[in-house]
Amino acid sequence: MKNFRIVFGFSFWIVVILSVLLAPILLSENPWIQSLRGVSHYLRAERQYVTVNFDQNLNMKSGDPIFAVTENGLKRIGQILPASDNASLVAKFTPSARVVFFGDSPPITNDCYLTIHQSESSFEWAFQKLFPTARRQKVITELKATFELHQKEIVDEFSPIVFDTLQDVGRVLQEDLRHAFAQNREKLAGIAARYQEGFVEKRLIPLVKDEIWPIVEARSKPVLNEVGNEIWKRASLWRFGWRLAYDKFPLTDSNLLQKEWSRFVKNDAIPVLEEHADDFYALAKSIMKEISANPEVKLAGKDGIDQLLKDEEIKSLIKETLWNILFQNERLNQVFQDNFSNTRALAAIRSTSEKFEIKLREIGDQIFGTFEKGITREFAGILRNQILQRDQRWLILRYKDNSIKIENRFDLAIEIEGNFVRENDLIPEFVMAEVNP
């Protein structure tokens, strides 16, 4: 029995040893074996500690990652070390740092140097991170579909509110504009006098005499002659003559000539003018077309607009007036408050909110995450960047001579150079606003 135990134990350990030795060979394609081999290599490989000296003081933080450029993209090969064992994790402004390169990194020699890059960390970056193009289009499509589903109800509820608000806004703006013009009457009169002496008298009046009036005269003369002849044919000199003579007699106060003129205008002249209404409309169009095509008129109009746009007094007056009326107007604020805080408006807002609540919750879950599944990767990236101040900087290993390929660890460096680069030509995935699927 004792010999059996010895033989069994010896055989068991022989099988275990052979399994460990032969497993990497027989199961070389197994992902678990490959991961185990990678971890084993990582633990057995020797790390390299180097001091990096930058050309200026830079914000750096313990744990800022270092990447190497590979055929498959960026691979993390190291990180910045704390200045001391008790060093804070807060970023520090310093010209040098201690870094560690992991065992699977290329050998660090004097031909190597590091470039440090910094993410924008702006609102635009955060927005693009949470709303990449595909998600943004999806959200817009879903919200549009929800709105179209309840469009009639929403429009029916908000139309009276919007209509009443616009009416009140128009009334307030009209009254305040009238008041503003009255307050600035002296300034406006000064500006008008300045342009009267300058542009109007020296440029506009000669332009009317030399260019505009000849066009009006040449175009309107045929039509006016035709209309005048028709009216003249309807006029009766006898009727006007005897009434004029009668009005001149003493002791008469009938005003027959004025009455005849009023009758003639109403019964004879106006019908002729109405018959030629289309002719007058065509005449006005042709005159305006020819005037607008006149080079001198075009030049004068351009010069006049340029003077107005460049006039600092006018711009200052318009800016001040609009600012006071639109943004510093308590009456306008009160209009919006009264129209959107009453019972009718609150009921419409509550009804619309209920219609969109389920969809908005779904969208929020897609963007920020859920209690069951946790926060999303994008939201986690923003929290790390903004709250924990992580992933704000990264370093990339580069070579002074790109043609050199280092195959061994001879001539390892103790110190290497580093510099700050604004152009982010190589960006890690955690910094990217959008990550391609």
Protein backbone atom coordinates (compact mmCIF):
# COMPACT_ATOMS: atom_id res chain seq x y z
CA MET A 1 0.00 0.00 0.00
CA LYS A 2 2.84 2.35 0.84
CA ASN A 3 4.60 1.59 -2.46
CA PHE A 4 1.33 2.29 -4.34
CA ARG A 5 1.06 5.76 -2.78
CA ILE A 6 4.65 6.55 -3.73
CA VAL A 7 4.17 5.39 -7.31
CA PHE A 8 0.83 7.24 -7.62
CA GLY A 9 2.24 10.47 -6.23
CA PHE A 10 5.32 10.29 -8.43
CA SER A 11 3.16 9.65 -11.52
CA PHE A 12 0.79 12.51 -10.65
CA TRP A 13 3.57 15.07 -10.43
CA ILE A 14 5.18 13.77 -13.63
CA VAL A 15 1.84 14.35 -15.45
CA VAL A 16 1.48 17.87 -13.97
CA ILE A 17 5.04 18.84 -14.97
CA LEU A 18 4.64 17.44 -18.48
CA SER A 19 1.28 19.25 -18.87
CA VAL A 20 2.80 22.58 -17.87
CA LEU A 21 5.77 22.07 -20.20
CA LEU A 22 3.83 20.80 -23.19
CA ALA A 23 0.69 22.97 -22.91
CA PRO A 24 2.27 26.07 -24.52
CA ILE A 25 3.35 23.92 -27.46
CA LEU A 26 0.23 21.79 -27.89
CA LEU A 27 -2.21 24.66 -27.17
CA SER A 28 -0.26 27.54 -28.67
CA GLU A 29 -3.36 28.94 -30.38
CA ASN A 30 -5.46 28.96 -27.22
CA PRO A 31 -6.22 32.58 -26.18
CA TRP A 32 -5.88 31.71 -22.51
CA ILE A 33 -2.43 30.23 -23.08
CA GLN A 34 -1.42 33.28 -25.13
CA SER A 35 -2.56 35.64 -22.38
CA LEU A 36 -0.75 33.59 -19.76
CA ARG A 37 2.40 33.67 -21.86
CA GLY A 38 2.11 37.45 -22.31
CA VAL A 39 1.67 38.00 -18.56
CA SER A 40 4.61 35.73 -17.84
CA HIS A 41 6.81 37.60 -20.30
CA TYR A 42 5.67 40.96 -18.87
CA LEU A 43 6.50 39.91 -15.29
CA ARG A 44 9.88 38.41 -16.22
CA ALA A 45 10.95 41.30 -18.45
CA GLU A 46 13.14 43.98 -16.93
CA ARG A 47 11.74 47.51 -16.59
CA GLN A 48 13.81 50.52 -17.51
CA TYR A 49 13.79 53.74 -15.47
CA VAL A 50 14.76 56.95 -17.26
CA THR A 51 14.80 60.68 -16.52
CA VAL A 52 13.20 62.87 -19.19
CA ASN A 53 14.35 66.49 -19.49
CA PHE A 54 11.98 68.82 -21.34
CA ASP A 55 12.83 72.12 -22.97
CA GLN A 56 10.32 74.01 -20.77
CA ASN A 57 8.24 73.67 -17.62
CA LEU A 58 5.24 71.46 -18.28
CA ASN A 59 2.26 70.15 -16.34
CA MET A 60 2.83 66.45 -15.71
CA LYS A 61 1.14 63.99 -13.42
CA SER A 62 2.06 60.62 -12.04
CA GLY A 63 0.51 57.95 -14.23
CA ASP A 64 0.47 59.94 -17.48
CA PRO A 65 0.89 57.19 -20.11
CA ILE A 66 3.70 56.70 -22.61
CA PHE A 67 2.96 55.13 -25.99
CA ALA A 68 5.01 53.60 -28.77
CA VAL A 69 3.96 53.71 -32.42
CA THR A 70 3.34 50.19 -33.78
CA GLU A 71 1.84 48.77 -36.95
CA ASN A 72 -1.46 48.33 -35.11
CA GLY A 73 -1.52 51.85 -33.68
CA LEU A 74 -0.39 53.16 -30.31
CA LYS A 75 0.74 50.72 -27.63
CA ARG A 76 1.21 51.73 -24.00
CA ILE A 77 4.80 51.03 -22.93
CA GLY A 78 5.28 53.12 -19.79
CA GLN A 79 4.17 55.98 -17.58
CA ILE A 80 5.39 58.92 -15.51
CA LEU A 81 6.45 58.06 -11.97
CA PRO A 82 5.69 60.13 -8.86
CA ALA A 83 8.50 62.45 -7.82
CA SER A 84 8.72 60.62 -4.47
CA ASP A 85 6.97 57.87 -2.59
CA ASN A 86 4.68 60.39 -0.88
CA ALA A 87 4.17 62.58 -3.95
CA SER A 88 0.70 63.87 -4.67
CA LEU A 89 -1.22 62.73 -7.75
CA VAL A 90 -1.93 66.34 -8.68
CA ALA A 91 -0.24 67.58 -11.87
CA LYS A 92 2.94 69.57 -11.26
CA PHE A 93 4.69 72.25 -13.29
CA THR A 94 8.18 70.87 -13.84
CA PRO A 95 10.85 70.64 -16.57
CA SER A 96 11.79 66.99 -15.88
CA ALA A 97 10.21 63.75 -14.73
CA ARG A 98 11.10 60.16 -13.89
CA VAL A 99 9.45 57.61 -16.14
CA VAL A 100 9.29 53.84 -16.23
CA PHE A 101 9.21 51.77 -19.40
CA PHE A 102 7.56 48.39 -19.06
CA GLY A 103 9.30 45.17 -19.93
CA ASP A 104 7.62 44.88 -23.32
CA SER A 105 8.76 48.33 -24.47
CA PRO A 106 11.54 48.85 -26.99
CA PRO A 107 15.00 49.49 -25.48
CA ILE A 108 15.42 53.15 -24.57
CA THR A 109 18.71 54.50 -25.92
CA ASN A 110 20.19 57.93 -26.50
CA ASP A 111 18.52 57.93 -29.93
CA CYS A 112 15.10 58.06 -28.25
CA TYR A 113 13.15 61.10 -27.13
CA LEU A 114 9.61 61.77 -25.91
CA THR A 115 6.99 64.21 -27.13
CA ILE A 116 4.28 65.25 -24.69
CA HIS A 117 0.80 66.09 -25.94
CA GLN A 118 -2.23 67.59 -24.23
CA SER A 119 -5.93 67.13 -24.93
CA GLU A 120 -8.17 70.13 -25.47
CA SER A 121 -10.57 69.29 -22.61
CA SER A 122 -12.99 71.89 -23.98
CA PHE A 123 -16.77 71.85 -24.01
CA GLU A 124 -16.64 71.05 -27.73
CA TRP A 125 -14.43 68.02 -27.03
CA ALA A 126 -16.77 66.80 -24.27
CA PHE A 127 -19.79 67.29 -26.53
CA GLN A 128 -18.16 65.38 -29.38
CA LYS A 129 -17.17 62.66 -26.92
CA LEU A 130 -20.74 62.19 -25.67
CA PHE A 131 -22.37 62.82 -29.06
CA PRO A 132 -20.27 61.31 -31.86
CA THR A 133 -21.71 61.66 -35.34
CA ALA A 134 -23.54 58.32 -35.40
CA ARG A 135 -25.12 58.84 -31.97
CA ARG A 136 -26.01 62.45 -32.76
CA GLN A 137 -27.84 61.40 -35.92
CA LYS A 138 -29.61 58.64 -34.02
CA VAL A 139 -30.75 61.01 -31.26
CA ILE A 140 -32.01 63.56 -33.80
CA THR A 141 -33.91 60.85 -35.67
CA GLU A 142 -35.53 59.50 -32.50
CA LEU A 143 -36.52 62.97 -31.23
CA LYS A 144 -37.89 63.89 -34.65
CA ALA A 145 -39.97 60.69 -34.75
CA THR A 146 -41.32 61.38 -31.24
CA PHE A 147 -42.19 64.96 -32.18
CA GLU A 148 -43.94 63.87 -35.39
CA LEU A 149 -45.96 61.37 -33.35
CA HIS A 150 -47.31 64.15 -31.11
CA GLN A 151 -46.89 67.09 -33.49
CA LYS A 152 -50.55 68.09 -33.74
CA GLU A 153 -51.08 68.03 -29.98
CA ILE A 154 -47.92 70.06 -29.30
CA VAL A 155 -48.72 72.65 -31.97
CA ASP A 156 -52.31 73.00 -30.74
CA GLU A 157 -51.12 73.55 -27.16
CA PHE A 158 -48.32 76.01 -27.89
CA SER A 159 -49.75 77.98 -30.83
CA PRO A 160 -51.99 80.26 -28.70
CA ILE A 161 -49.14 80.85 -26.24
CA VAL A 162 -46.64 81.74 -28.97
CA PHE A 163 -49.17 83.91 -30.81
CA ASP A 164 -50.04 85.90 -27.68
CA THR A 165 -46.35 86.25 -26.82
CA LEU A 166 -45.47 87.59 -30.28
CA GLN A 167 -48.32 90.09 -30.09
CA ASP A 168 -47.15 91.36 -26.70
CA VAL A 169 -43.51 91.43 -27.83
CA GLY A 170 -44.41 93.41 -30.96
CA ARG A 171 -46.40 95.90 -28.91
CA VAL A 172 -43.61 96.39 -26.36
CA LEU A 173 -40.90 96.73 -29.04
CA GLN A 174 -42.98 99.22 -31.01
CA GLU A 175 -43.57 101.38 -27.94
CA ASP A 176 -39.96 101.18 -26.78
CA LEU A 177 -38.57 101.91 -30.24
CA ARG A 178 -40.78 104.99 -30.45
CA HIS A 179 -39.55 106.03 -27.01
CA ALA A 180 -35.92 105.37 -28.00
CA PHE A 181 -36.26 107.53 -31.11
CA ALA A 182 -37.76 110.30 -29.02
CA GLN A 183 -34.90 110.09 -26.52
CA ASN A 184 -32.27 110.16 -29.28
CA ARG A 185 -33.99 112.82 -31.39
CA GLU A 186 -31.11 115.28 -31.04
CA LYS A 187 -28.53 112.65 -32.02
CA LEU A 188 -30.61 111.58 -35.03
CA ALA A 189 -31.05 115.21 -36.07
CA GLY A 190 -27.30 115.74 -35.87
CA ILE A 191 -26.63 112.64 -37.98
CA ALA A 192 -29.27 113.69 -40.53
CA ALA A 193 -27.79 117.20 -40.76
CA ARG A 194 -24.32 115.77 -41.25
CA TYR A 195 -25.51 113.55 -44.10
CA GLN A 196 -27.64 116.39 -45.53
CA GLU A 197 -24.58 118.60 -45.83
CA GLY A 198 -22.38 115.83 -47.07
CA PHE A 199 -23.94 112.96 -48.98
CA VAL A 200 -27.40 114.37 -49.85
CA GLU A 201 -26.45 117.80 -51.18
CA LYS A 202 -23.11 116.86 -52.74
CA ARG A 203 -24.00 113.44 -54.11
CA LEU A 204 -27.69 112.57 -54.04
CA ILE A 205 -29.28 115.77 -55.41
CA PRO A 206 -26.87 116.00 -58.40
CA LEU A 207 -27.47 112.30 -59.01
CA VAL A 208 -31.26 112.88 -59.16
CA LYS A 209 -30.86 115.80 -61.55
CA ASP A 210 -28.31 114.22 -63.86
CA GLU A 211 -29.21 110.51 -63.84
CA ILE A 212 -32.55 109.66 -62.22
CA TRP A 213 -34.81 112.45 -63.48
CA PRO A 214 -33.89 112.01 -67.19
CA ILE A 215 -34.80 108.31 -66.88
CA VAL A 216 -38.14 109.11 -65.21
CA GLU A 217 -38.94 111.77 -67.80
CA ALA A 218 -38.07 109.65 -70.81
CA ARG A 219 -39.97 106.59 -69.58
CA SER A 220 -43.10 108.33 -68.27
CA LYS A 221 -43.67 110.85 -71.07
CA PRO A 222 -45.48 108.48 -73.52
CA VAL A 223 -47.79 107.07 -70.85
CA LEU A 224 -48.57 110.47 -69.33
CA ASN A 225 -49.28 111.97 -72.75
CA GLU A 226 -51.70 109.18 -73.58
CA VAL A 227 -53.52 109.45 -70.24
CA GLY A 228 -53.55 113.26 -70.41
CA ASN A 229 -55.09 113.23 -73.87
CA GLU A 230 -57.87 110.89 -72.75
CA ILE A 231 -58.65 113.07 -69.74
CA TRP A 232 -58.56 116.22 -71.86
CA LYS A 233 -61.06 114.75 -74.28
CA ARG A 234 -63.50 114.28 -71.43
CA ALA A 235 -63.07 117.81 -70.14
CA SER A 236 -65.73 120.42 -71.17
CA LEU A 237 -64.47 123.96 -71.42
CA TRP A 238 -68.05 125.20 -71.60
CA ARG A 239 -68.99 123.62 -68.27
CA PHE A 240 -65.88 125.04 -66.55
CA GLY A 241 -66.18 128.44 -68.31
CA TRP A 242 -69.75 129.44 -67.43
CA ARG A 243 -69.33 128.21 -63.83
CA LEU A 244 -66.20 130.34 -63.46
CA ALA A 245 -68.03 133.34 -64.87
CA TYR A 246 -71.02 132.79 -62.61
CA ASP A 247 -68.79 132.54 -59.52
CA LYS A 248 -67.29 135.93 -60.40
CA PHE A 249 -70.67 137.71 -60.34
CA PRO A 250 -71.35 139.77 -57.24
CA LEU A 251 -73.69 138.41 -54.59
CA THR A 252 -72.98 134.77 -55.61
CA ASP A 253 -71.48 132.25 -53.24
CA SER A 254 -72.29 128.93 -54.89
CA ASN A 255 -68.67 127.82 -55.65
CA LEU A 256 -69.85 126.06 -58.84
CA LEU A 257 -66.33 125.78 -60.32
CA GLN A 258 -65.04 123.77 -57.35
CA LYS A 259 -68.05 121.47 -57.50
CA GLU A 260 -67.57 120.92 -61.25
CA TRP A 261 -63.89 120.12 -60.70
CA SER A 262 -64.73 117.56 -58.00
CA ARG A 263 -67.33 115.98 -60.28
CA PHE A 264 -64.86 115.87 -63.18
CA VAL A 265 -62.13 114.26 -61.12
CA LYS A 266 -64.51 111.64 -59.70
CA ASN A 267 -66.49 110.80 -62.85
CA ASP A 268 -63.97 111.39 -65.64
CA ALA A 269 -60.32 111.59 -64.50
CA ILE A 270 -60.21 108.78 -61.95
CA PRO A 271 -61.83 106.17 -64.28
CA VAL A 272 -59.20 106.99 -66.92
CA LEU A 273 -56.41 106.56 -64.36
CA GLU A 274 -57.91 103.25 -63.20
CA GLU A 275 -58.05 102.00 -66.79
CA HIS A 276 -54.30 102.64 -67.08
CA ALA A 277 -53.36 101.12 -63.71
CA ASP A 278 -51.45 98.29 -65.44
CA ASP A 279 -49.62 100.84 -67.57
CA PHE A 280 -48.55 102.78 -64.47
CA TYR A 281 -47.37 99.57 -62.78
CA ALA A 282 -45.33 98.58 -65.84
CA LEU A 283 -43.97 102.13 -66.02
CA ALA A 284 -42.84 102.04 -62.39
CA LYS A 285 -41.14 98.67 -62.91
CA SER A 286 -39.29 99.83 -66.01
CA ILE A 287 -38.16 103.05 -64.29
CA MET A 288 -36.90 101.19 -61.20
CA LYS A 289 -35.17 98.60 -63.37
CA GLU A 290 -33.35 101.22 -65.42
CA ILE A 291 -32.42 103.28 -62.36
CA SER A 292 -31.08 100.23 -60.51
CA ALA A 293 -28.98 99.28 -63.56
CA ASN A 294 -27.45 102.74 -63.84
CA PRO A 295 -23.72 102.57 -62.91
CA GLU A 296 -23.74 105.97 -61.22
CA VAL A 297 -26.76 105.04 -59.09
CA LYS A 298 -25.12 101.73 -58.13
CA LEU A 299 -21.92 103.48 -57.13
CA ALA A 300 -23.78 106.11 -55.10
CA GLY A 301 -25.83 103.46 -53.35
CA LYS A 302 -22.73 101.46 -52.49
CA ASP A 303 -20.95 104.54 -51.19
CA GLY A 304 -23.99 105.52 -49.12
CA ILE A 305 -24.27 102.07 -47.53
CA ASP A 306 -20.52 102.00 -46.86
CA GLN A 307 -20.74 105.36 -45.11
CA LEU A 308 -23.62 104.15 -42.93
CA LEU A 309 -21.86 100.89 -42.04
CA LYS A 310 -18.62 102.68 -41.18
CA ASP A 311 -20.23 105.52 -39.28
CA GLU A 312 -19.18 104.96 -35.66
CA GLU A 313 -21.85 107.28 -34.29
CA ILE A 314 -24.62 105.34 -36.08
CA LYS A 315 -23.20 101.97 -35.05
CA SER A 316 -22.90 103.08 -31.44
CA LEU A 317 -26.44 104.43 -31.43
CA ILE A 318 -27.90 101.25 -32.98
CA LYS A 319 -25.92 99.01 -30.63
CA GLU A 320 -26.99 100.95 -27.56
CA THR A 321 -30.63 101.07 -28.66
CA LEU A 322 -30.86 97.35 -29.49
CA TRP A 323 -29.06 96.38 -26.28
CA ASN A 324 -31.44 98.43 -24.15
CA ILE A 325 -34.55 97.26 -26.00
CA LEU A 326 -33.73 93.55 -26.37
CA PHE A 327 -31.51 92.65 -23.40
CA GLN A 328 -32.04 95.32 -20.74
CA ASN A 329 -35.78 95.57 -21.19
CA GLU A 330 -37.69 94.67 -18.03
CA ARG A 331 -40.99 95.00 -19.86
CA LEU A 332 -39.89 92.43 -22.46
CA ASN A 333 -38.72 90.05 -19.75
CA GLN A 334 -42.04 90.47 -18.01
CA VAL A 335 -43.88 89.58 -21.24
CA PHE A 336 -42.05 86.25 -21.52
CA GLN A 337 -42.48 85.56 -17.82
CA ASP A 338 -46.20 86.28 -17.90
CA ASN A 339 -46.82 84.21 -21.04
CA PHE A 340 -44.73 81.18 -20.12
CA SER A 341 -45.40 80.93 -16.38
CA ASN A 342 -49.17 81.09 -16.36
CA THR A 343 -51.40 78.07 -15.85
CA ARG A 344 -51.96 77.48 -19.57
CA ALA A 345 -48.25 77.52 -20.43
CA LEU A 346 -47.27 75.30 -17.48
CA ALA A 347 -49.92 72.78 -18.49
CA ALA A 348 -48.61 72.74 -22.09
CA ILE A 349 -45.01 72.32 -20.91
CA ARG A 350 -46.01 69.52 -18.53
CA SER A 351 -47.97 67.74 -21.26
CA THR A 352 -45.06 67.98 -23.74
CA SER A 353 -42.59 66.82 -21.10
CA GLU A 354 -44.67 63.74 -20.45
CA LYS A 355 -44.73 62.92 -24.17
CA PHE A 356 -40.91 63.12 -24.42
CA GLU A 357 -40.00 61.72 -21.00
CA ILE A 358 -39.68 58.06 -21.98
CA LYS A 359 -37.62 58.83 -25.09
CA LEU A 360 -35.39 61.30 -23.22
CA ARG A 361 -34.73 58.70 -20.53
CA GLU A 362 -33.72 56.20 -23.21
CA ILE A 363 -31.38 58.73 -24.77
CA GLY A 364 -29.93 59.60 -21.36
CA ASP A 365 -29.26 55.92 -20.70
CA GLN A 366 -27.47 55.63 -24.03
CA ILE A 367 -25.31 58.66 -23.27
CA PHE A 368 -24.60 58.38 -19.55
CA GLY A 369 -25.36 54.74 -18.71
CA THR A 370 -27.68 52.87 -16.37
CA PHE A 371 -27.58 51.55 -12.79
CA GLU A 372 -27.55 47.96 -14.04
CA LYS A 373 -24.89 48.31 -16.77
CA GLY A 374 -22.88 51.17 -15.29
CA ILE A 375 -21.81 54.43 -16.92
CA THR A 376 -20.88 54.50 -20.58
CA ARG A 377 -17.30 54.49 -21.77
CA GLU A 378 -17.58 58.02 -23.17
CA PHE A 379 -19.03 59.49 -19.97
CA ALA A 380 -16.38 57.69 -17.95
CA GLY A 381 -13.73 59.28 -20.15
CA ILE A 382 -15.13 62.75 -19.48
CA LEU A 383 -15.29 62.13 -15.72
CA ARG A 384 -11.69 60.91 -15.72
CA ASN A 385 -10.60 63.95 -17.69
CA GLN A 386 -12.58 66.65 -15.88
CA ILE A 387 -13.00 65.31 -12.32
CA LEU A 388 -9.99 63.05 -11.77
CA GLN A 389 -7.80 65.07 -14.18
CA ARG A 390 -6.66 61.89 -15.89
CA ASP A 391 -6.10 61.28 -19.60
CA GLN A 392 -5.26 64.94 -20.14
CA ARG A 393 -1.69 64.30 -21.29
CA TRP A 394 0.15 61.51 -23.04
CA LEU A 395 3.70 60.95 -24.25
CA ILE A 396 4.91 59.24 -27.41
CA LEU A 397 8.28 57.55 -27.85
CA ARG A 398 10.07 58.72 -30.96
CA TYR A 399 13.50 58.28 -32.54
CA LYS A 400 15.86 60.97 -33.72
CA ASP A 401 16.81 58.76 -36.66
CA ASN A 402 13.74 56.88 -37.85
CA SER A 403 15.86 54.48 -39.93
CA ILE A 404 17.50 52.97 -36.84
CA LYS A 405 16.06 49.68 -35.61
CA ILE A 406 17.22 48.60 -32.18
CA GLU A 407 17.34 44.85 -31.67
CA ASN A 408 19.07 44.67 -28.28
CA ARG A 409 19.41 46.52 -25.00
CA PHE A 410 23.01 47.60 -25.26
CA ASP A 411 23.85 51.26 -24.70
CA LEU A 412 20.67 51.94 -22.70
CA ALA A 413 20.02 55.56 -21.79
CA ILE A 414 19.69 57.01 -18.30
CA GLU A 415 18.40 60.38 -19.48
CA ILE A 416 16.60 61.34 -22.69
CA GLU A 417 15.18 64.55 -24.10
CA GLY A 418 11.55 65.58 -24.39
CA ASN A 419 9.56 68.41 -25.93
CA PHE A 420 5.99 69.68 -26.04
CA VAL A 421 4.11 69.33 -29.34
CA ARG A 422 0.86 71.18 -29.99
CA GLU A 423 -0.08 69.20 -33.09
CA ASN A 424 -1.75 65.95 -32.03
CA ASP A 425 -0.96 63.75 -35.00
CA LEU A 426 -1.17 60.57 -32.91
CA ILE A 427 -4.08 60.53 -30.47
CA PRO A 428 -4.88 57.67 -28.06
CA GLU A 429 -8.39 56.31 -28.14
CA PHE A 430 -9.26 57.68 -24.70
CA VAL A 431 -8.67 61.25 -25.97
CA MET A 432 -10.53 60.93 -29.27
CA ALA A 433 -13.84 62.74 -29.43
CA GLU A 434 -15.12 60.04 -31.76
CA VAL A 435 -13.99 56.42 -31.83
CA ASN A 436 -14.60 54.49 -35.00
CA PRO A 437 -16.48 51.25 -34.40
